N, C-alpha and C. Protein backbone atom coordinates (compact mmCIF):
# COMPACT_ATOMS: atom_id res chain seq x y z
N MET A 1 0.28 42.36 -13.60
CA MET A 1 -0.22 41.75 -14.80
C MET A 1 -1.16 42.74 -15.47
N SER A 2 -0.93 43.00 -16.73
CA SER A 2 -1.79 43.95 -17.43
C SER A 2 -3.08 43.26 -17.85
N SER A 3 -4.07 44.05 -18.27
CA SER A 3 -5.39 43.50 -18.58
C SER A 3 -5.35 42.55 -19.78
N TRP A 4 -4.45 42.76 -20.71
CA TRP A 4 -4.40 41.89 -21.88
C TRP A 4 -3.77 40.54 -21.55
N GLN A 5 -3.05 40.43 -20.41
CA GLN A 5 -2.43 39.17 -20.02
C GLN A 5 -3.32 38.34 -19.12
N ARG A 6 -4.35 38.96 -18.47
CA ARG A 6 -5.22 38.22 -17.56
C ARG A 6 -6.11 37.28 -18.35
N PRO A 7 -6.29 36.05 -17.82
CA PRO A 7 -7.21 35.17 -18.50
C PRO A 7 -8.64 35.64 -18.26
N THR A 8 -9.33 35.90 -19.30
CA THR A 8 -10.72 36.35 -19.18
C THR A 8 -11.63 35.25 -19.69
N PRO A 9 -12.69 34.93 -18.93
CA PRO A 9 -13.54 33.81 -19.29
C PRO A 9 -14.31 34.01 -20.58
N GLU A 10 -14.46 35.25 -21.05
CA GLU A 10 -15.25 35.50 -22.26
C GLU A 10 -14.46 35.23 -23.54
N LEU A 11 -13.13 35.20 -23.42
CA LEU A 11 -12.31 35.00 -24.64
C LEU A 11 -12.48 33.59 -25.18
N ARG A 12 -12.42 33.49 -26.47
CA ARG A 12 -12.54 32.17 -27.10
C ARG A 12 -11.31 31.33 -26.78
N ALA A 13 -11.54 30.06 -26.54
CA ALA A 13 -10.45 29.13 -26.20
C ALA A 13 -9.76 28.66 -27.49
N SER A 14 -8.47 28.48 -27.39
CA SER A 14 -7.71 27.97 -28.55
C SER A 14 -7.62 26.45 -28.48
N ASP A 15 -7.23 25.85 -29.60
CA ASP A 15 -7.05 24.41 -29.62
C ASP A 15 -5.95 23.98 -28.64
N ALA A 16 -4.90 24.78 -28.54
CA ALA A 16 -3.81 24.46 -27.61
C ALA A 16 -4.31 24.48 -26.17
N GLU A 17 -5.17 25.44 -25.82
CA GLU A 17 -5.72 25.49 -24.46
C GLU A 17 -6.60 24.28 -24.19
N ARG A 18 -7.39 23.88 -25.16
CA ARG A 18 -8.24 22.69 -25.00
C ARG A 18 -7.35 21.45 -24.76
N GLU A 19 -6.28 21.32 -25.53
CA GLU A 19 -5.37 20.18 -25.37
C GLU A 19 -4.71 20.18 -24.00
N ARG A 20 -4.32 21.36 -23.50
CA ARG A 20 -3.72 21.44 -22.16
C ARG A 20 -4.70 20.97 -21.10
N VAL A 21 -5.97 21.38 -21.24
CA VAL A 21 -6.98 20.96 -20.26
C VAL A 21 -7.20 19.45 -20.33
N VAL A 22 -7.28 18.89 -21.54
CA VAL A 22 -7.46 17.45 -21.70
C VAL A 22 -6.28 16.70 -21.09
N ASP A 23 -5.05 17.18 -21.32
CA ASP A 23 -3.87 16.54 -20.72
C ASP A 23 -3.96 16.58 -19.20
N PHE A 24 -4.38 17.74 -18.64
CA PHE A 24 -4.49 17.87 -17.19
C PHE A 24 -5.57 16.92 -16.65
N LEU A 25 -6.68 16.79 -17.37
CA LEU A 25 -7.73 15.87 -16.94
C LEU A 25 -7.24 14.42 -16.95
N ARG A 26 -6.48 14.06 -17.95
CA ARG A 26 -5.94 12.69 -18.02
C ARG A 26 -4.97 12.43 -16.87
N GLU A 27 -4.13 13.42 -16.55
CA GLU A 27 -3.21 13.26 -15.42
C GLU A 27 -3.98 13.14 -14.12
N SER A 28 -5.07 13.89 -13.99
CA SER A 28 -5.90 13.80 -12.78
C SER A 28 -6.53 12.42 -12.66
N ALA A 29 -6.93 11.85 -13.77
CA ALA A 29 -7.50 10.50 -13.75
C ALA A 29 -6.44 9.47 -13.39
N LEU A 30 -5.21 9.68 -13.86
CA LEU A 30 -4.13 8.74 -13.56
C LEU A 30 -3.84 8.68 -12.06
N VAL A 31 -3.94 9.80 -11.39
CA VAL A 31 -3.66 9.81 -9.94
C VAL A 31 -4.92 9.53 -9.13
N GLY A 32 -6.05 9.29 -9.77
CA GLY A 32 -7.26 8.87 -9.08
C GLY A 32 -8.19 9.98 -8.61
N ARG A 33 -8.04 11.17 -9.11
CA ARG A 33 -8.92 12.27 -8.70
C ARG A 33 -10.29 12.20 -9.38
N ILE A 34 -10.32 11.66 -10.60
CA ILE A 34 -11.60 11.46 -11.29
C ILE A 34 -11.58 10.05 -11.90
N ASP A 35 -12.78 9.46 -12.04
CA ASP A 35 -12.84 8.11 -12.61
C ASP A 35 -12.94 8.18 -14.14
N HIS A 36 -12.94 7.02 -14.75
CA HIS A 36 -12.90 6.94 -16.22
C HIS A 36 -14.13 7.59 -16.86
N ASP A 37 -15.32 7.32 -16.33
CA ASP A 37 -16.54 7.90 -16.92
C ASP A 37 -16.52 9.42 -16.85
N GLU A 38 -16.09 9.94 -15.69
CA GLU A 38 -16.04 11.40 -15.54
C GLU A 38 -14.97 11.98 -16.47
N LEU A 39 -13.87 11.27 -16.62
CA LEU A 39 -12.81 11.72 -17.53
C LEU A 39 -13.35 11.84 -18.95
N GLU A 40 -14.05 10.81 -19.42
CA GLU A 40 -14.60 10.83 -20.77
C GLU A 40 -15.58 11.99 -20.95
N GLU A 41 -16.41 12.20 -19.94
CA GLU A 41 -17.40 13.29 -20.02
C GLU A 41 -16.70 14.64 -20.08
N ARG A 42 -15.71 14.84 -19.23
CA ARG A 42 -15.01 16.14 -19.19
C ARG A 42 -14.19 16.36 -20.46
N ILE A 43 -13.60 15.29 -21.01
CA ILE A 43 -12.84 15.45 -22.26
C ILE A 43 -13.79 15.89 -23.38
N GLY A 44 -14.96 15.28 -23.44
CA GLY A 44 -15.94 15.69 -24.45
C GLY A 44 -16.33 17.15 -24.30
N LEU A 45 -16.53 17.58 -23.04
CA LEU A 45 -16.89 18.98 -22.79
C LEU A 45 -15.71 19.92 -23.13
N ALA A 46 -14.48 19.45 -22.87
CA ALA A 46 -13.30 20.29 -23.16
C ALA A 46 -13.19 20.52 -24.67
N TYR A 47 -13.38 19.49 -25.46
CA TYR A 47 -13.29 19.67 -26.90
C TYR A 47 -14.47 20.49 -27.45
N ALA A 48 -15.58 20.48 -26.74
CA ALA A 48 -16.73 21.27 -27.17
C ALA A 48 -16.70 22.70 -26.63
N ALA A 49 -15.78 23.00 -25.72
CA ALA A 49 -15.72 24.32 -25.08
C ALA A 49 -15.46 25.41 -26.11
N VAL A 50 -16.14 26.54 -25.92
CA VAL A 50 -15.97 27.67 -26.83
C VAL A 50 -15.10 28.73 -26.17
N THR A 51 -15.31 28.98 -24.88
CA THR A 51 -14.56 30.05 -24.20
C THR A 51 -13.63 29.47 -23.16
N ARG A 52 -12.74 30.35 -22.68
CA ARG A 52 -11.84 29.95 -21.61
C ARG A 52 -12.63 29.65 -20.33
N GLY A 53 -13.73 30.33 -20.13
CA GLY A 53 -14.57 30.10 -18.95
C GLY A 53 -15.15 28.68 -18.98
N ASP A 54 -15.52 28.21 -20.19
CA ASP A 54 -16.02 26.84 -20.30
C ASP A 54 -14.95 25.83 -19.87
N LEU A 55 -13.72 26.10 -20.25
CA LEU A 55 -12.62 25.21 -19.86
C LEU A 55 -12.35 25.30 -18.36
N GLU A 56 -12.40 26.53 -17.84
CA GLU A 56 -12.12 26.75 -16.42
C GLU A 56 -13.12 25.99 -15.55
N ARG A 57 -14.40 25.95 -15.94
CA ARG A 57 -15.41 25.25 -15.14
C ARG A 57 -15.13 23.74 -15.06
N LEU A 58 -14.40 23.18 -16.02
CA LEU A 58 -14.06 21.76 -15.99
C LEU A 58 -12.97 21.43 -14.97
N LEU A 59 -12.24 22.47 -14.54
CA LEU A 59 -11.09 22.26 -13.66
C LEU A 59 -11.28 22.80 -12.26
N VAL A 60 -12.39 23.47 -12.00
CA VAL A 60 -12.57 24.21 -10.75
C VAL A 60 -12.46 23.31 -9.52
N ASP A 61 -12.85 22.04 -9.59
CA ASP A 61 -12.82 21.17 -8.41
C ASP A 61 -11.55 20.32 -8.32
N LEU A 62 -10.60 20.54 -9.21
CA LEU A 62 -9.36 19.76 -9.20
C LEU A 62 -8.21 20.62 -8.71
N PRO A 63 -7.36 20.07 -7.80
CA PRO A 63 -6.21 20.85 -7.32
C PRO A 63 -5.20 21.08 -8.44
N ARG A 64 -4.75 22.32 -8.55
CA ARG A 64 -3.77 22.65 -9.58
C ARG A 64 -3.11 23.96 -9.24
N GLY A 65 -2.14 24.33 -10.07
CA GLY A 65 -1.47 25.62 -9.94
C GLY A 65 -2.39 26.71 -10.47
N ALA A 66 -1.84 27.82 -10.84
CA ALA A 66 -2.62 28.97 -11.30
C ALA A 66 -3.36 28.67 -12.61
N ARG A 67 -2.83 27.76 -13.42
CA ARG A 67 -3.49 27.41 -14.69
C ARG A 67 -3.17 25.96 -15.04
N PRO A 68 -3.83 25.43 -16.02
CA PRO A 68 -3.54 24.05 -16.41
C PRO A 68 -2.08 23.90 -16.81
N PRO A 69 -1.56 22.70 -16.70
CA PRO A 69 -0.14 22.51 -17.03
C PRO A 69 0.15 22.89 -18.47
N ALA A 70 1.37 23.35 -18.66
CA ALA A 70 1.80 23.74 -20.01
C ALA A 70 1.78 22.51 -20.91
N PRO A 71 1.55 22.73 -22.18
CA PRO A 71 1.50 21.58 -23.08
C PRO A 71 2.85 20.88 -23.16
N ARG A 72 2.77 19.57 -23.25
CA ARG A 72 4.00 18.80 -23.43
C ARG A 72 4.42 18.91 -24.88
N PRO A 73 5.69 19.09 -25.12
CA PRO A 73 6.11 19.15 -26.53
C PRO A 73 5.82 17.82 -27.21
N ARG A 74 5.25 17.93 -28.38
CA ARG A 74 4.94 16.72 -29.13
C ARG A 74 6.18 16.24 -29.85
N ARG A 75 6.42 14.98 -29.67
CA ARG A 75 7.59 14.40 -30.32
C ARG A 75 7.22 13.94 -31.72
N ALA A 76 8.16 14.11 -32.58
CA ALA A 76 7.96 13.58 -33.94
C ALA A 76 7.96 12.06 -33.83
N PRO A 77 7.16 11.40 -34.64
CA PRO A 77 7.16 9.93 -34.57
C PRO A 77 8.55 9.39 -34.86
N ALA A 78 8.92 8.40 -34.09
CA ALA A 78 10.23 7.79 -34.28
C ALA A 78 10.27 7.11 -35.64
N PRO A 79 11.39 7.23 -36.32
CA PRO A 79 11.48 6.56 -37.61
C PRO A 79 11.36 5.05 -37.42
N ALA A 80 10.76 4.42 -38.38
CA ALA A 80 10.57 2.98 -38.30
C ALA A 80 11.93 2.29 -38.23
N LYS A 81 12.00 1.32 -37.34
CA LYS A 81 13.26 0.59 -37.20
C LYS A 81 13.48 -0.27 -38.43
N ARG A 82 14.67 -0.22 -38.91
CA ARG A 82 15.01 -1.04 -40.06
C ARG A 82 15.41 -2.42 -39.56
N ARG A 83 14.66 -3.40 -39.98
CA ARG A 83 14.94 -4.74 -39.54
C ARG A 83 15.95 -5.37 -40.46
N GLU A 84 16.95 -5.95 -39.84
CA GLU A 84 17.95 -6.67 -40.61
C GLU A 84 17.35 -7.99 -41.05
N PRO A 85 17.64 -8.42 -42.27
CA PRO A 85 17.07 -9.69 -42.73
C PRO A 85 17.64 -10.86 -41.94
N SER A 86 16.81 -11.83 -41.65
CA SER A 86 17.26 -13.01 -40.93
C SER A 86 18.05 -13.91 -41.87
N ALA A 87 18.74 -14.86 -41.26
CA ALA A 87 19.54 -15.79 -42.06
C ALA A 87 18.65 -16.59 -43.01
N ALA A 88 17.46 -16.94 -42.55
CA ALA A 88 16.54 -17.70 -43.41
C ALA A 88 16.13 -16.88 -44.62
N MET A 89 15.85 -15.59 -44.40
CA MET A 89 15.46 -14.73 -45.52
C MET A 89 16.61 -14.57 -46.51
N VAL A 90 17.81 -14.44 -46.01
CA VAL A 90 18.97 -14.33 -46.90
C VAL A 90 19.13 -15.62 -47.70
N LEU A 91 18.94 -16.77 -47.04
CA LEU A 91 19.06 -18.05 -47.72
C LEU A 91 18.00 -18.20 -48.81
N VAL A 92 16.78 -17.78 -48.50
CA VAL A 92 15.70 -17.85 -49.50
C VAL A 92 16.03 -16.95 -50.69
N GLY A 93 16.51 -15.74 -50.40
CA GLY A 93 16.86 -14.82 -51.48
C GLY A 93 17.98 -15.34 -52.36
N LEU A 94 19.00 -15.89 -51.73
CA LEU A 94 20.11 -16.44 -52.51
C LEU A 94 19.67 -17.67 -53.30
N SER A 95 18.81 -18.49 -52.70
CA SER A 95 18.31 -19.67 -53.41
C SER A 95 17.48 -19.28 -54.62
N ALA A 96 16.71 -18.21 -54.48
CA ALA A 96 15.89 -17.76 -55.60
C ALA A 96 16.75 -17.33 -56.78
N ILE A 97 17.96 -16.92 -56.50
CA ILE A 97 18.87 -16.51 -57.57
C ILE A 97 19.73 -17.70 -58.02
N ALA A 98 20.26 -18.45 -57.06
CA ALA A 98 21.23 -19.49 -57.37
C ALA A 98 20.62 -20.69 -58.09
N ILE A 99 19.46 -21.14 -57.66
CA ILE A 99 18.88 -22.35 -58.26
C ILE A 99 18.59 -22.17 -59.75
N PRO A 100 17.94 -21.09 -60.16
CA PRO A 100 17.75 -20.92 -61.62
C PRO A 100 19.07 -20.81 -62.37
N MET A 101 20.07 -20.19 -61.76
CA MET A 101 21.37 -20.08 -62.45
C MET A 101 22.03 -21.45 -62.60
N ILE A 102 21.90 -22.30 -61.58
CA ILE A 102 22.48 -23.65 -61.67
C ILE A 102 21.77 -24.45 -62.75
N VAL A 103 20.43 -24.36 -62.78
CA VAL A 103 19.68 -25.08 -63.81
C VAL A 103 20.05 -24.59 -65.20
N LEU A 104 20.12 -23.27 -65.37
CA LEU A 104 20.48 -22.70 -66.67
C LEU A 104 21.88 -23.13 -67.08
N THR A 105 22.81 -23.15 -66.14
CA THR A 105 24.17 -23.58 -66.44
C THR A 105 24.18 -25.05 -66.88
N GLY A 106 23.39 -25.88 -66.21
CA GLY A 106 23.31 -27.29 -66.60
C GLY A 106 22.76 -27.47 -68.00
N VAL A 107 21.73 -26.72 -68.35
CA VAL A 107 21.14 -26.81 -69.69
C VAL A 107 22.16 -26.36 -70.74
N VAL A 108 22.83 -25.26 -70.48
CA VAL A 108 23.83 -24.76 -71.43
C VAL A 108 24.96 -25.78 -71.59
N MET A 109 25.40 -26.37 -70.49
CA MET A 109 26.48 -27.36 -70.58
C MET A 109 26.04 -28.59 -71.36
N ALA A 110 24.78 -29.01 -71.20
CA ALA A 110 24.28 -30.17 -71.96
C ALA A 110 24.26 -29.85 -73.45
N ILE A 111 23.82 -28.66 -73.80
CA ILE A 111 23.80 -28.26 -75.21
C ILE A 111 25.21 -28.22 -75.77
N VAL A 112 26.13 -27.66 -75.02
CA VAL A 112 27.52 -27.60 -75.46
C VAL A 112 28.08 -29.00 -75.64
N ALA A 113 27.77 -29.92 -74.73
CA ALA A 113 28.28 -31.29 -74.82
C ALA A 113 27.74 -31.98 -76.07
N VAL A 114 26.47 -31.82 -76.36
CA VAL A 114 25.88 -32.44 -77.55
C VAL A 114 26.52 -31.89 -78.81
N VAL A 115 26.67 -30.58 -78.87
CA VAL A 115 27.28 -29.96 -80.05
C VAL A 115 28.74 -30.41 -80.19
N ALA A 116 29.48 -30.44 -79.09
CA ALA A 116 30.89 -30.84 -79.15
C ALA A 116 31.02 -32.29 -79.59
N LEU A 117 30.18 -33.17 -79.04
CA LEU A 117 30.24 -34.57 -79.47
C LEU A 117 29.86 -34.73 -80.94
N SER A 118 28.90 -33.94 -81.38
CA SER A 118 28.51 -34.00 -82.79
C SER A 118 29.66 -33.56 -83.68
N VAL A 119 30.30 -32.50 -83.33
CA VAL A 119 31.40 -31.98 -84.14
C VAL A 119 32.58 -32.95 -84.13
N LEU A 120 32.86 -33.52 -82.95
CA LEU A 120 34.00 -34.43 -82.86
C LEU A 120 33.72 -35.79 -83.52
N SER A 121 32.49 -36.25 -83.41
CA SER A 121 32.20 -37.58 -83.94
C SER A 121 31.80 -37.56 -85.42
N ALA A 122 31.44 -36.41 -85.96
CA ALA A 122 31.01 -36.32 -87.35
C ALA A 122 32.07 -36.88 -88.32
N PRO A 123 33.32 -36.52 -88.21
CA PRO A 123 34.30 -37.09 -89.16
C PRO A 123 34.38 -38.62 -89.08
N PHE A 124 34.31 -39.18 -87.86
CA PHE A 124 34.38 -40.64 -87.71
C PHE A 124 33.16 -41.32 -88.35
N VAL A 125 32.00 -40.71 -88.19
CA VAL A 125 30.79 -41.27 -88.78
C VAL A 125 30.90 -41.22 -90.30
N ILE A 126 31.40 -40.13 -90.84
CA ILE A 126 31.54 -39.99 -92.30
C ILE A 126 32.52 -41.04 -92.83
N VAL A 127 33.65 -41.18 -92.14
CA VAL A 127 34.65 -42.18 -92.57
C VAL A 127 34.05 -43.58 -92.52
N ALA A 128 33.31 -43.87 -91.44
CA ALA A 128 32.70 -45.21 -91.31
C ALA A 128 31.70 -45.46 -92.44
N LEU A 129 30.92 -44.47 -92.81
CA LEU A 129 29.96 -44.63 -93.91
C LEU A 129 30.68 -44.85 -95.24
N LEU A 130 31.76 -44.11 -95.47
CA LEU A 130 32.53 -44.28 -96.71
C LEU A 130 33.16 -45.68 -96.78
N VAL A 131 33.67 -46.16 -95.64
CA VAL A 131 34.29 -47.50 -95.62
C VAL A 131 33.24 -48.55 -95.90
N ALA A 132 32.06 -48.40 -95.30
CA ALA A 132 30.97 -49.37 -95.51
C ALA A 132 30.55 -49.37 -96.97
N ALA A 133 30.46 -48.22 -97.59
CA ALA A 133 30.07 -48.15 -98.99
C ALA A 133 31.13 -48.76 -99.89
N ALA A 134 32.40 -48.54 -99.57
CA ALA A 134 33.48 -49.09 -100.38
C ALA A 134 33.52 -50.60 -100.27
N MET A 135 33.27 -51.12 -99.10
CA MET A 135 33.29 -52.58 -98.93
C MET A 135 32.13 -53.24 -99.65
N ARG A 136 31.06 -52.59 -99.77
CA ARG A 136 29.91 -53.13 -100.48
C ARG A 136 30.22 -53.29 -101.96
N ARG A 137 30.96 -52.40 -102.49
CA ARG A 137 31.29 -52.45 -103.92
C ARG A 137 32.28 -53.58 -104.22
N ARG A 138 33.15 -53.93 -103.33
CA ARG A 138 34.20 -54.91 -103.61
C ARG A 138 33.78 -56.33 -103.26
N ARG A 139 32.60 -56.62 -102.91
CA ARG A 139 32.19 -57.98 -102.57
C ARG A 139 32.24 -58.85 -103.82
N PRO A 140 32.66 -60.07 -103.64
CA PRO A 140 32.64 -60.99 -104.81
C PRO A 140 31.20 -61.29 -105.17
N PRO A 141 30.94 -61.55 -106.42
CA PRO A 141 29.57 -61.82 -106.81
C PRO A 141 29.09 -63.10 -106.15
N GLY A 142 27.99 -63.02 -105.53
CA GLY A 142 27.43 -64.18 -104.85
C GLY A 142 26.43 -64.85 -105.77
N PRO A 143 25.75 -65.82 -105.27
CA PRO A 143 24.76 -66.49 -106.10
C PRO A 143 23.74 -65.50 -106.58
N GLY A 144 23.58 -65.45 -107.83
CA GLY A 144 22.64 -64.55 -108.45
C GLY A 144 22.08 -65.18 -109.71
N PRO A 145 21.42 -64.45 -110.49
CA PRO A 145 20.80 -65.04 -111.69
C PRO A 145 21.81 -65.67 -112.65
N GLY A 146 22.93 -65.22 -112.87
CA GLY A 146 23.82 -65.82 -113.85
C GLY A 146 24.87 -66.72 -113.27
N TRP A 147 24.90 -66.93 -112.00
CA TRP A 147 25.96 -67.68 -111.34
C TRP A 147 25.90 -69.16 -111.70
N ARG A 148 24.81 -69.78 -111.71
CA ARG A 148 24.69 -71.20 -111.96
C ARG A 148 25.11 -71.55 -113.40
N SER A 149 24.66 -70.78 -114.29
CA SER A 149 24.97 -71.11 -115.68
C SER A 149 26.45 -70.94 -115.99
N ALA A 150 27.11 -70.03 -115.32
CA ALA A 150 28.51 -69.81 -115.61
C ALA A 150 29.37 -70.94 -115.10
N HIS A 151 29.06 -71.55 -113.98
CA HIS A 151 29.89 -72.60 -113.41
C HIS A 151 29.43 -74.00 -113.75
N TYR A 152 28.15 -74.22 -114.03
CA TYR A 152 27.64 -75.57 -114.28
C TYR A 152 27.22 -75.77 -115.74
N GLY A 153 27.54 -75.02 -116.48
CA GLY A 153 27.05 -75.05 -117.76
C GLY A 153 27.26 -75.82 -118.86
């Protein structure tokens, strides 16, 4: 191993090295080598560490290989699962569209019915009015101002 490859305690620690140490400390806590309070304290010291030597002092009493475990590859967050709409949601959506359309159709049909009846019945009404007016003109003269004198006179 050449001198540039040896870990030297004076070199500044990288963020990746701090993360590897924190991961190793968490694994040590999971197997019961350190308790929760000690884990929290050591994690705080790991993130505050400036040099590799500072990090090394946090691991000196824990069994390990030549160096802290390699970082685990970080997984990209899983895409959010697309939820299929439930039958109730589909029914609500369709109702929101169908009910106003049914109401609108009913209103339009009522308007059409009124207009159609008006158009169809208009000629009959006109004829009935003309017949009534014609019958009024042909009535025999009833008792009126000159009726008595003409017959009893």
